[in-house]
Amino acid sequence: MKSRGMKLSSILNTQEQFRQVYDRFQWGARPAYIQNVMDEFKRKHADQQAGSYQEQWDQVYTRIGELYHKGNEYRKVMLQELKERFTSFA
């Protein structure tokens, strides 16, 4: 089946318009408070070849798992973040 979709960059007139839309909608699969754990890890451990990288990586994923298993709060946060993103286009 042929796709009828167009790339967002071809619909918008300028690269600036594309950047504005992209920046407003940029969202990850994790709620921000959980994603912050990974973002901080990436800032502090840019060298993937470092000896302690894998150990630190495992600790980060353990921490993220703990945050997810603390309860259902992450679901509420994800829905709220998505709602904010979608309403920003209205």
PDB file of N, CA and C in Angstrom:
ATOM      1  N   MET A   1       0.825  -1.159   0.000  1.00  0.00           N
ATOM      2  CA  MET A   1       0.000   0.000   0.000  1.00  0.00           C
ATOM      3  C   MET A   1       0.882   1.239   0.000  1.00  0.00           C
ATOM      4  N   LYS A   2       0.571   2.189  -0.828  1.00  0.00           N
ATOM      5  CA  LYS A   2       1.359   3.405  -0.949  1.00  0.00           C
ATOM      6  C   LYS A   2       1.037   4.363   0.202  1.00  0.00           C
ATOM      7  N   SER A   3       2.068   4.931   0.789  1.00  0.00           N
ATOM      8  CA  SER A   3       1.888   5.877   1.879  1.00  0.00           C
ATOM      9  C   SER A   3       1.470   7.238   1.336  1.00  0.00           C
ATOM     10  N   ARG A   4       0.456   7.807   1.951  1.00  0.00           N
ATOM     11  CA  ARG A   4      -0.010   9.138   1.555  1.00  0.00           C
ATOM     12  C   ARG A   4       0.609  10.225   2.422  1.00  0.00           C
ATOM     13  N   GLY A   5       1.313   9.823   3.457  1.00  0.00           N
ATOM     14  CA  GLY A   5       1.885  10.788   4.386  1.00  0.00           C
ATOM     15  C   GLY A   5       2.997  11.602   3.764  1.00  0.00           C
ATOM     16  N   MET A   6       3.141  12.804   4.263  1.00  0.00           N
ATOM     17  CA  MET A   6       4.223  13.679   3.824  1.00  0.00           C
ATOM     18  C   MET A   6       5.127  13.929   5.015  1.00  0.00           C
ATOM     19  N   LYS A   7       6.372  14.162   4.744  1.00  0.00           N
ATOM     20  CA  LYS A   7       7.295  14.509   5.819  1.00  0.00           C
ATOM     21  C   LYS A   7       6.930  15.884   6.357  1.00  0.00           C
ATOM     22  N   LEU A   8       7.025  16.017   7.660  1.00  0.00           N
ATOM     23  CA  LEU A   8       6.714  17.281   8.293  1.00  0.00           C
ATOM     24  C   LEU A   8       7.563  18.407   7.726  1.00  0.00           C
ATOM     25  N   SER A   9       8.837  18.114   7.452  1.00  0.00           N
ATOM     26  CA  SER A   9       9.733  19.153   6.932  1.00  0.00           C
ATOM     27  C   SER A   9       9.308  19.637   5.555  1.00  0.00           C
ATOM     28  N   SER A  10       8.581  18.823   4.783  1.00  0.00           N
ATOM     29  CA  SER A  10       8.137  19.271   3.463  1.00  0.00           C
ATOM     30  C   SER A  10       6.850  20.081   3.537  1.00  0.00           C
ATOM     31  N   ILE A  11       6.116  19.964   4.629  1.00  0.00           N
ATOM     32  CA  ILE A  11       4.870  20.723   4.792  1.00  0.00           C
ATOM     33  C   ILE A  11       5.157  22.134   5.283  1.00  0.00           C
ATOM     34  N   LEU A  12       6.119  22.267   6.158  1.00  0.00           N
ATOM     35  CA  LEU A  12       6.443  23.568   6.728  1.00  0.00           C
ATOM     36  C   LEU A  12       7.305  24.365   5.759  1.00  0.00           C
ATOM     37  N   ASN A  13       7.124  25.664   5.754  1.00  0.00           N
ATOM     38  CA  ASN A  13       7.792  26.529   4.786  1.00  0.00           C
ATOM     39  C   ASN A  13       9.270  26.749   5.050  1.00  0.00           C
ATOM     40  N   THR A  14       9.643  26.793   6.281  1.00  0.00           N
ATOM     41  CA  THR A  14      11.035  27.100   6.593  1.00  0.00           C
ATOM     42  C   THR A  14      11.582  26.120   7.620  1.00  0.00           C
ATOM     43  N   GLN A  15      12.878  26.065   7.693  1.00  0.00           N
ATOM     44  CA  GLN A  15      13.517  25.219   8.685  1.00  0.00           C
ATOM     45  C   GLN A  15      13.181  25.723  10.094  1.00  0.00           C
ATOM     46  N   GLU A  16      13.014  27.025  10.235  1.00  0.00           N
ATOM     47  CA  GLU A  16      12.656  27.596  11.542  1.00  0.00           C
ATOM     48  C   GLU A  16      11.278  27.105  11.986  1.00  0.00           C
ATOM     49  N   GLN A  17      10.324  27.046  11.068  1.00  0.00           N
ATOM     50  CA  GLN A  17       8.998  26.531  11.412  1.00  0.00           C
ATOM     51  C   GLN A  17       9.101  25.069  11.838  1.00  0.00           C
ATOM     52  N   PHE A  18       9.889  24.307  11.114  1.00  0.00           N
ATOM     53  CA  PHE A  18      10.077  22.906  11.457  1.00  0.00           C
ATOM     54  C   PHE A  18      10.659  22.786  12.863  1.00  0.00           C
ATOM     55  N   ARG A  19      11.682  23.577  13.174  1.00  0.00           N
ATOM     56  CA  ARG A  19      12.331  23.538  14.488  1.00  0.00           C
ATOM     57  C   ARG A  19      11.331  23.895  15.593  1.00  0.00           C
ATOM     58  N   GLN A  20      10.484  24.897  15.355  1.00  0.00           N
ATOM     59  CA  GLN A  20       9.503  25.293  16.365  1.00  0.00           C
ATOM     60  C   GLN A  20       8.521  24.160  16.663  1.00  0.00           C
ATOM     61  N   VAL A  21       8.036  23.514  15.625  1.00  0.00           N
ATOM     62  CA  VAL A  21       7.100  22.403  15.820  1.00  0.00           C
ATOM     63  C   VAL A  21       7.816  21.236  16.491  1.00  0.00           C
ATOM     64  N   TYR A  22       9.009  20.913  16.030  1.00  0.00           N
ATOM     65  CA  TYR A  22       9.766  19.803  16.602  1.00  0.00           C
ATOM     66  C   TYR A  22      10.046  20.049  18.086  1.00  0.00           C
ATOM     67  N   ASP A  23      10.476  21.251  18.417  1.00  0.00           N
ATOM     68  CA  ASP A  23      10.794  21.570  19.808  1.00  0.00           C
ATOM     69  C   ASP A  23       9.564  21.492  20.701  1.00  0.00           C
ATOM     70  N   ARG A  24       8.417  21.885  20.175  1.00  0.00           N
ATOM     71  CA  ARG A  24       7.190  21.851  20.971  1.00  0.00           C
ATOM     72  C   ARG A  24       6.699  20.443  21.199  1.00  0.00           C
ATOM     73  N   PHE A  25       6.947  19.541  20.248  1.00  0.00           N
ATOM     74  CA  PHE A  25       6.394  18.205  20.367  1.00  0.00           C
ATOM     75  C   PHE A  25       7.404  17.175  20.845  1.00  0.00           C
ATOM     76  N   GLN A  26       8.654  17.528  20.943  1.00  0.00           N
ATOM     77  CA  GLN A  26       9.670  16.557  21.340  1.00  0.00           C
ATOM     78  C   GLN A  26       9.287  15.950  22.685  1.00  0.00           C
ATOM     79  N   TRP A  27       9.180  14.647  22.699  1.00  0.00           N
ATOM     80  CA  TRP A  27       8.754  13.936  23.887  1.00  0.00           C
ATOM     81  C   TRP A  27       9.302  12.526  23.810  1.00  0.00           C
ATOM     82  N   GLY A  28       9.717  11.991  24.915  1.00  0.00           N
ATOM     83  CA  GLY A  28      10.249  10.645  24.923  1.00  0.00           C
ATOM     84  C   GLY A  28       9.245   9.647  25.451  1.00  0.00           C
ATOM     85  N   ALA A  29       9.627   8.406  25.414  1.00  0.00           N
ATOM     86  CA  ALA A  29       8.737   7.344  25.884  1.00  0.00           C
ATOM     87  C   ALA A  29       8.675   7.281  27.405  1.00  0.00           C
ATOM     88  N   ARG A  30       9.592   7.966  28.064  1.00  0.00           N
ATOM     89  CA  ARG A  30       9.595   7.994  29.526  1.00  0.00           C
ATOM     90  C   ARG A  30       9.101   9.352  30.004  1.00  0.00           C
ATOM     91  N   PRO A  31       8.455   9.379  31.167  1.00  0.00           N
ATOM     92  CA  PRO A  31       8.133  10.684  31.762  1.00  0.00           C
ATOM     93  C   PRO A  31       9.425  11.448  32.047  1.00  0.00           C
ATOM     94  N   ALA A  32       9.356  12.747  32.056  1.00  0.00           N
ATOM     95  CA  ALA A  32      10.546  13.589  32.211  1.00  0.00           C
ATOM     96  C   ALA A  32      11.344  13.255  33.472  1.00  0.00           C
ATOM     97  N   TYR A  33      10.668  13.004  34.595  1.00  0.00           N
ATOM     98  CA  TYR A  33      11.413  12.755  35.834  1.00  0.00           C
ATOM     99  C   TYR A  33      12.195  11.438  35.764  1.00  0.00           C
ATOM    100  N   ILE A  34      11.745  10.511  34.948  1.00  0.00           N
ATOM    101  CA  ILE A  34      12.493   9.269  34.754  1.00  0.00           C
ATOM    102  C   ILE A  34      13.574   9.472  33.694  1.00  0.00           C
ATOM    103  N   GLN A  35      13.244  10.180  32.624  1.00  0.00           N
ATOM    104  CA  GLN A  35      14.219  10.443  31.570  1.00  0.00           C
ATOM    105  C   GLN A  35      15.405  11.239  32.106  1.00  0.00           C
ATOM    106  N   ASN A  36      15.167  12.090  33.098  1.00  0.00           N
ATOM    107  CA  ASN A  36      16.251  12.881  33.685  1.00  0.00           C
ATOM    108  C   ASN A  36      17.364  12.001  34.235  1.00  0.00           C
ATOM    109  N   VAL A  37      17.012  10.824  34.757  1.00  0.00           N
ATOM    110  CA  VAL A  37      18.016   9.896  35.278  1.00  0.00           C
ATOM    111  C   VAL A  37      18.957   9.474  34.145  1.00  0.00           C
ATOM    112  N   MET A  38      18.382   9.131  32.981  1.00  0.00           N
ATOM    113  CA  MET A  38      19.200   8.717  31.841  1.00  0.00           C
ATOM    114  C   MET A  38      19.990   9.893  31.276  1.00  0.00           C
ATOM    115  N   ASP A  39      19.362  11.056  31.181  1.00  0.00           N
ATOM    116  CA  ASP A  39      20.056  12.236  30.647  1.00  0.00           C
ATOM    117  C   ASP A  39      21.273  12.593  31.501  1.00  0.00           C
ATOM    118  N   GLU A  40      21.098  12.526  32.818  1.00  0.00           N
ATOM    119  CA  GLU A  40      22.220  12.823  33.719  1.00  0.00           C
ATOM    120  C   GLU A  40      23.342  11.801  33.526  1.00  0.00           C
ATOM    121  N   PHE A  41      22.972  10.534  33.392  1.00  0.00           N
ATOM    122  CA  PHE A  41      23.977   9.495  33.149  1.00  0.00           C
ATOM    123  C   PHE A  41      24.761   9.800  31.875  1.00  0.00           C
ATOM    124  N   LYS A  42      24.067  10.139  30.807  1.00  0.00           N
ATOM    125  CA  LYS A  42      24.728  10.408  29.525  1.00  0.00           C
ATOM    126  C   LYS A  42      25.662  11.616  29.616  1.00  0.00           C
ATOM    127  N   ARG A  43      25.276  12.620  30.393  1.00  0.00           N
ATOM    128  CA  ARG A  43      26.149  13.794  30.573  1.00  0.00           C
ATOM    129  C   ARG A  43      27.415  13.415  31.332  1.00  0.00           C
ATOM    130  N   LYS A  44      27.265  12.607  32.339  1.00  0.00           N
ATOM    131  CA  LYS A  44      28.402  12.261  33.198  1.00  0.00           C
ATOM    132  C   LYS A  44      29.283  11.160  32.626  1.00  0.00           C
ATOM    133  N   HIS A  45      28.736  10.332  31.747  1.00  0.00           N
ATOM    134  CA  HIS A  45      29.464   9.159  31.256  1.00  0.00           C
ATOM    135  C   HIS A  45      29.440   9.107  29.730  1.00  0.00           C
ATOM    136  N   ALA A  46      30.035  10.078  29.122  1.00  0.00           N
ATOM    137  CA  ALA A  46      30.028  10.158  27.655  1.00  0.00           C
ATOM    138  C   ALA A  46      30.926   9.105  27.015  1.00  0.00           C
ATOM    139  N   ASP A  47      31.953   8.680  27.726  1.00  0.00           N
ATOM    140  CA  ASP A  47      32.900   7.711  27.176  1.00  0.00           C
ATOM    141  C   ASP A  47      32.395   6.288  27.405  1.00  0.00           C
ATOM    142  N   GLN A  48      31.839   5.699  26.354  1.00  0.00           N
ATOM    143  CA  GLN A  48      31.289   4.348  26.464  1.00  0.00           C
ATOM    144  C   GLN A  48      32.377   3.286  26.582  1.00  0.00           C
ATOM    145  N   GLN A  49      33.608   3.660  26.340  1.00  0.00           N
ATOM    146  CA  GLN A  49      34.722   2.717  26.437  1.00  0.00           C
ATOM    147  C   GLN A  49      35.345   2.690  27.833  1.00  0.00           C
ATOM    148  N   ALA A  50      34.905   3.572  28.707  1.00  0.00           N
ATOM    149  CA  ALA A  50      35.454   3.631  30.063  1.00  0.00           C
ATOM    150  C   ALA A  50      35.173   2.318  30.797  1.00  0.00           C
ATOM    151  N   GLY A  51      36.079   1.955  31.668  1.00  0.00           N
ATOM    152  CA  GLY A  51      35.972   0.695  32.387  1.00  0.00           C
ATOM    153  C   GLY A  51      34.721   0.551  33.238  1.00  0.00           C
ATOM    154  N   SER A  52      34.266   1.626  33.831  1.00  0.00           N
ATOM    155  CA  SER A  52      33.108   1.552  34.732  1.00  0.00           C
ATOM    156  C   SER A  52      31.784   1.837  34.020  1.00  0.00           C
ATOM    157  N   TYR A  53      31.839   2.044  32.711  1.00  0.00           N
ATOM    158  CA  TYR A  53      30.625   2.437  31.978  1.00  0.00           C
ATOM    159  C   TYR A  53      29.498   1.416  32.150  1.00  0.00           C
ATOM    160  N   GLN A  54      29.771   0.135  31.917  1.00  0.00           N
ATOM    161  CA  GLN A  54      28.727  -0.889  31.984  1.00  0.00           C
ATOM    162  C   GLN A  54      28.146  -0.990  33.389  1.00  0.00           C
ATOM    163  N   GLU A  55      29.003  -0.909  34.391  1.00  0.00           N
ATOM    164  CA  GLU A  55      28.517  -0.966  35.772  1.00  0.00           C
ATOM    165  C   GLU A  55      27.599   0.218  36.067  1.00  0.00           C
ATOM    166  N   GLN A  56      28.009   1.407  35.639  1.00  0.00           N
ATOM    167  CA  GLN A  56      27.185   2.598  35.841  1.00  0.00           C
ATOM    168  C   GLN A  56      25.870   2.487  35.069  1.00  0.00           C
ATOM    169  N   TRP A  57      25.944   1.950  33.846  1.00  0.00           N
ATOM    170  CA  TRP A  57      24.754   1.753  33.008  1.00  0.00           C
ATOM    171  C   TRP A  57      23.749   0.851  33.728  1.00  0.00           C
ATOM    172  N   ASP A  58      24.241  -0.241  34.285  1.00  0.00           N
ATOM    173  CA  ASP A  58      23.385  -1.176  35.018  1.00  0.00           C
ATOM    174  C   ASP A  58      22.722  -0.493  36.214  1.00  0.00           C
ATOM    175  N   GLN A  59      23.470   0.356  36.907  1.00  0.00           N
ATOM    176  CA  GLN A  59      22.914   1.078  38.049  1.00  0.00           C
ATOM    177  C   GLN A  59      21.815   2.038  37.621  1.00  0.00           C
ATOM    178  N   VAL A  60      22.006   2.689  36.488  1.00  0.00           N
ATOM    179  CA  VAL A  60      20.999   3.624  35.982  1.00  0.00           C
ATOM    180  C   VAL A  60      19.711   2.877  35.650  1.00  0.00           C
ATOM    181  N   TYR A  61      19.837   1.753  34.974  1.00  0.00           N
ATOM    182  CA  TYR A  61      18.633   0.987  34.634  1.00  0.00           C
ATOM    183  C   TYR A  61      17.963   0.406  35.871  1.00  0.00           C
ATOM    184  N   THR A  62      18.741   0.077  36.885  1.00  0.00           N
ATOM    185  CA  THR A  62      18.154  -0.359  38.153  1.00  0.00           C
ATOM    186  C   THR A  62      17.355   0.780  38.765  1.00  0.00           C
ATOM    187  N   ARG A  63      17.921   1.976  38.748  1.00  0.00           N
ATOM    188  CA  ARG A  63      17.231   3.157  39.299  1.00  0.00           C
ATOM    189  C   ARG A  63      15.953   3.458  38.505  1.00  0.00           C
ATOM    190  N   ILE A  64      16.027   3.387  37.188  1.00  0.00           N
ATOM    191  CA  ILE A  64      14.844   3.630  36.364  1.00  0.00           C
ATOM    192  C   ILE A  64      13.769   2.584  36.677  1.00  0.00           C
ATOM    193  N   GLY A  65      14.172   1.337  36.816  1.00  0.00           N
ATOM    194  CA  GLY A  65      13.225   0.283  37.185  1.00  0.00           C
ATOM    195  C   GLY A  65      12.556   0.558  38.520  1.00  0.00           C
ATOM    196  N   GLU A  66      13.349   1.040  39.482  1.00  0.00           N
ATOM    197  CA  GLU A  66      12.791   1.383  40.794  1.00  0.00           C
ATOM    198  C   GLU A  66      11.747   2.486  40.661  1.00  0.00           C
ATOM    199  N   LEU A  67      12.038   3.483  39.848  1.00  0.00           N
ATOM    200  CA  LEU A  67      11.084   4.578  39.663  1.00  0.00           C
ATOM    201  C   LEU A  67       9.779   4.088  39.030  1.00  0.00           C
ATOM    202  N   TYR A  68       9.893   3.195  38.064  1.00  0.00           N
ATOM    203  CA  TYR A  68       8.678   2.645  37.433  1.00  0.00           C
ATOM    204  C   TYR A  68       7.869   1.788  38.405  1.00  0.00           C
ATOM    205  N   HIS A  69       8.565   1.038  39.241  1.00  0.00           N
ATOM    206  CA  HIS A  69       7.862   0.109  40.124  1.00  0.00           C
ATOM    207  C   HIS A  69       7.402   0.740  41.431  1.00  0.00           C
ATOM    208  N   LYS A  70       7.663   2.023  41.616  1.00  0.00           N
ATOM    209  CA  LYS A  70       7.239   2.714  42.830  1.00  0.00           C
ATOM    210  C   LYS A  70       5.717   2.837  42.903  1.00  0.00           C
ATOM    211  N   GLY A  71       5.063   2.683  41.806  1.00  0.00           N
ATOM    212  CA  GLY A  71       3.609   2.811  41.772  1.00  0.00           C
ATOM    213  C   GLY A  71       3.162   3.156  40.367  1.00  0.00           C
ATOM    214  N   ASN A  72       2.006   3.714  40.273  1.00  0.00           N
ATOM    215  CA  ASN A  72       1.437   4.053  38.966  1.00  0.00           C
ATOM    216  C   ASN A  72       1.627   5.523  38.607  1.00  0.00           C
ATOM    217  N   GLU A  73       2.398   6.233  39.373  1.00  0.00           N
ATOM    218  CA  GLU A  73       2.579   7.670  39.144  1.00  0.00           C
ATOM    219  C   GLU A  73       3.086   7.966  37.739  1.00  0.00           C
ATOM    220  N   TYR A  74       3.987   7.145  37.220  1.00  0.00           N
ATOM    221  CA  TYR A  74       4.561   7.421  35.905  1.00  0.00           C
ATOM    222  C   TYR A  74       3.491   7.420  34.820  1.00  0.00           C
ATOM    223  N   ARG A  75       2.444   6.597  34.982  1.00  0.00           N
ATOM    224  CA  ARG A  75       1.367   6.580  33.981  1.00  0.00           C
ATOM    225  C   ARG A  75       0.622   7.910  33.968  1.00  0.00           C
ATOM    226  N   LYS A  76       0.331   8.417  35.154  1.00  0.00           N
ATOM    227  CA  LYS A  76      -0.356   9.713  35.252  1.00  0.00           C
ATOM    228  C   LYS A  76       0.503  10.819  34.638  1.00  0.00           C
ATOM    229  N   VAL A  77       1.792  10.774  34.939  1.00  0.00           N
ATOM    230  CA  VAL A  77       2.703  11.795  34.425  1.00  0.00           C
ATOM    231  C   VAL A  77       2.793  11.718  32.907  1.00  0.00           C
ATOM    232  N   MET A  78       2.897  10.502  32.365  1.00  0.00           N
ATOM    233  CA  MET A  78       2.967  10.349  30.904  1.00  0.00           C
ATOM    234  C   MET A  78       1.714  10.907  30.239  1.00  0.00           C
ATOM    235  N   LEU A  79       0.551  10.588  30.784  1.00  0.00           N
ATOM    236  CA  LEU A  79      -0.696  11.095  30.204  1.00  0.00           C
ATOM    237  C   LEU A  79      -0.759  12.618  30.289  1.00  0.00           C
ATOM    238  N   GLN A  80      -0.326  13.173  31.409  1.00  0.00           N
ATOM    239  CA  GLN A  80      -0.318  14.629  31.553  1.00  0.00           C
ATOM    240  C   GLN A  80       0.640  15.271  30.559  1.00  0.00           C
ATOM    241  N   GLU A  81       1.832  14.700  30.394  1.00  0.00           N
ATOM    242  CA  GLU A  81       2.803  15.254  29.452  1.00  0.00           C
ATOM    243  C   GLU A  81       2.279  15.183  28.022  1.00  0.00           C
ATOM    244  N   LEU A  82       1.662  14.078  27.660  1.00  0.00           N
ATOM    245  CA  LEU A  82       1.086  13.966  26.315  1.00  0.00           C
ATOM    246  C   LEU A  82      -0.048  14.967  26.117  1.00  0.00           C
ATOM    247  N   LYS A  83      -0.898  15.104  27.122  1.00  0.00           N
ATOM    248  CA  LYS A  83      -2.001  16.065  27.036  1.00  0.00           C
ATOM    249  C   LYS A  83      -1.467  17.476  26.816  1.00  0.00           C
ATOM    250  N   GLU A  84      -0.421  17.847  27.555  1.00  0.00           N
ATOM    251  CA  GLU A  84       0.179  19.175  27.391  1.00  0.00           C
ATOM    252  C   GLU A  84       0.739  19.346  25.989  1.00  0.00           C
ATOM    253  N   ARG A  85       1.384  18.308  25.466  1.00  0.00           N
ATOM    254  CA  ARG A  85       1.950  18.403  24.106  1.00  0.00           C
ATOM    255  C   ARG A  85       0.846  18.578  23.073  1.00  0.00           C
ATOM    256  N   PHE A  86      -0.193  17.766  23.169  1.00  0.00           N
ATOM    257  CA  PHE A  86      -1.263  17.833  22.173  1.00  0.00           C
ATOM    258  C   PHE A  86      -2.032  19.152  22.245  1.00  0.00           C
ATOM    259  N   THR A  87      -2.299  19.641  23.462  1.00  0.00           N
ATOM    260  CA  THR A  87      -3.046  20.892  23.571  1.00  0.00           C
ATOM    261  C   THR A  87      -2.212  22.094  23.135  1.00  0.00           C
ATOM    262  N   SER A  88      -0.901  21.958  23.109  1.00  0.00           N
ATOM    263  CA  SER A  88      -0.066  23.080  22.665  1.00  0.00           C
ATOM    264  C   SER A  88      -0.233  23.343  21.183  1.00  0.00           C
ATOM    265  N   PHE A  89      -0.794  22.389  20.436  1.00  0.00           N
ATOM    266  CA  PHE A  89      -1.032  22.579  19.004  1.00  0.00           C
ATOM    267  C   PHE A  89      -2.389  23.173  18.715  1.00  0.00           C
ATOM    268  N   ALA A  90      -3.250  23.220  19.700  1.00  0.00           N
ATOM    269  CA  ALA A  90      -4.616  23.734  19.475  1.00  0.00           C
ATOM    270  C   ALA A  90      -4.639  25.244  19.343  1.00  0.00           C
TER     271      ALA A  90
END
